[in-house]
Amino acid sequence: MKQIDLPDWKSVVPSVLFGLPVGRIVIAFVAVIALGIYVGILLFGPNSLTVLLRLEEQRSIYENHIKALKAKNAALQKEYFELKQLEPEQ
């Protein structure tokens, strides 16, 4: 039986791709993917920019509602005290 010589695995797998070592390309690819996931979490996660903007909008809505309620309360207090003056004292 004749033994067949298999090529060395290093000669089959390219060590340089586009003029860069394959290890560096893999590291760069993983870094880009990790950075993309991180930015995605920052923009759309539970502590994200969209949540912050929504909360700021809610805060301004609530502040306007509070101002309206304070004005209504002042008008009702004025009416109450006017009516209180009209009642006979006992």
Protein backbone atom coordinates (compact mmCIF):
# COMPACT_ATOMS: atom_id res chain seq x y z
CA MET A 1 0.00 0.00 0.00
CA LYS A 2 1.18 3.38 -0.90
CA GLN A 3 0.95 6.16 1.69
CA ILE A 4 -0.57 9.42 0.47
CA ASP A 5 1.05 12.57 1.69
CA LEU A 6 -1.52 15.09 2.86
CA PRO A 7 -0.69 18.76 2.46
CA ASP A 8 0.19 20.65 5.59
CA TRP A 9 -2.87 22.47 7.04
CA LYS A 10 -0.94 25.76 7.09
CA SER A 11 -0.54 25.62 3.34
CA VAL A 12 -4.28 24.99 2.84
CA VAL A 13 -5.57 27.83 5.09
CA PRO A 14 -4.47 31.25 3.84
CA SER A 15 -2.48 33.19 6.38
CA VAL A 16 -2.88 36.51 4.59
CA LEU A 17 -6.14 37.88 3.21
CA PHE A 18 -6.32 41.26 1.46
CA GLY A 19 -2.77 41.92 2.58
CA LEU A 20 -3.62 41.52 6.29
CA PRO A 21 -3.13 38.56 8.59
CA VAL A 22 -6.33 36.56 9.08
CA GLY A 23 -6.07 36.88 12.88
CA ARG A 24 -6.23 40.66 12.68
CA ILE A 25 -9.20 40.53 10.32
CA VAL A 26 -11.06 38.24 12.74
CA ILE A 27 -10.24 40.52 15.70
CA ALA A 28 -11.40 43.59 13.76
CA PHE A 29 -14.61 41.82 12.73
CA VAL A 30 -15.39 40.80 16.32
CA ALA A 31 -14.63 44.35 17.54
CA VAL A 32 -17.00 45.87 14.96
CA ILE A 33 -19.78 43.44 15.92
CA ALA A 34 -19.27 44.14 19.65
CA LEU A 35 -19.28 47.90 19.05
CA GLY A 36 -22.49 47.59 17.01
CA ILE A 37 -24.20 45.67 19.79
CA TYR A 38 -23.05 48.22 22.37
CA VAL A 39 -24.33 51.16 20.33
CA GLY A 40 -27.62 49.33 19.77
CA ILE A 41 -28.05 48.85 23.51
CA LEU A 42 -27.24 52.53 24.12
CA LEU A 43 -29.84 53.68 21.59
CA PHE A 44 -32.64 51.18 22.20
CA GLY A 45 -32.00 49.48 25.57
CA PRO A 46 -33.66 50.07 28.96
CA ASN A 47 -31.29 52.96 29.79
CA SER A 48 -31.23 54.40 26.32
CA LEU A 49 -31.45 57.73 24.59
CA THR A 50 -35.01 57.07 23.42
CA VAL A 51 -36.13 56.41 27.01
CA LEU A 52 -34.47 59.64 28.14
CA LEU A 53 -36.18 61.68 25.44
CA ARG A 54 -39.56 60.12 26.20
CA LEU A 55 -39.18 60.86 29.91
CA GLU A 56 -38.23 64.48 29.22
CA GLU A 57 -41.34 64.86 27.05
CA GLN A 58 -43.53 63.36 29.80
CA ARG A 59 -41.97 65.71 32.33
CA SER A 60 -42.85 68.79 30.26
CA ILE A 61 -46.41 67.50 29.82
CA TYR A 62 -46.76 66.96 33.58
CA GLU A 63 -45.30 70.40 34.35
CA ASN A 64 -47.90 72.04 32.07
CA HIS A 65 -50.65 69.99 33.72
CA ILE A 66 -49.44 71.07 37.19
CA LYS A 67 -49.51 74.74 36.14
CA ALA A 68 -53.07 74.35 34.89
CA LEU A 69 -54.16 72.64 38.11
CA LYS A 70 -52.53 75.34 40.24
CA ALA A 71 -54.39 78.04 38.31
CA LYS A 72 -57.66 76.14 38.70
CA ASN A 73 -56.97 75.64 42.42
CA ALA A 74 -56.33 79.36 42.89
CA ALA A 75 -59.61 80.21 41.16
CA LEU A 76 -61.52 77.71 43.29
CA GLN A 77 -59.91 79.00 46.49
CA LYS A 78 -60.88 82.54 45.54
CA GLU A 79 -64.46 81.44 44.95
CA TYR A 80 -64.48 79.54 48.26
CA PHE A 81 -63.30 82.52 50.27
CA GLU A 82 -65.82 84.81 48.52
CA LEU A 83 -68.62 82.41 49.43
CA LYS A 84 -67.30 82.07 52.96
CA GLN A 85 -67.58 85.85 53.42
CA LEU A 86 -71.23 85.76 52.34
CA GLU A 87 -72.23 83.19 54.94
CA PRO A 88 -73.63 84.58 58.19
CA GLU A 89 -71.49 83.91 61.20
CA GLN A 90 -73.00 81.76 63.90
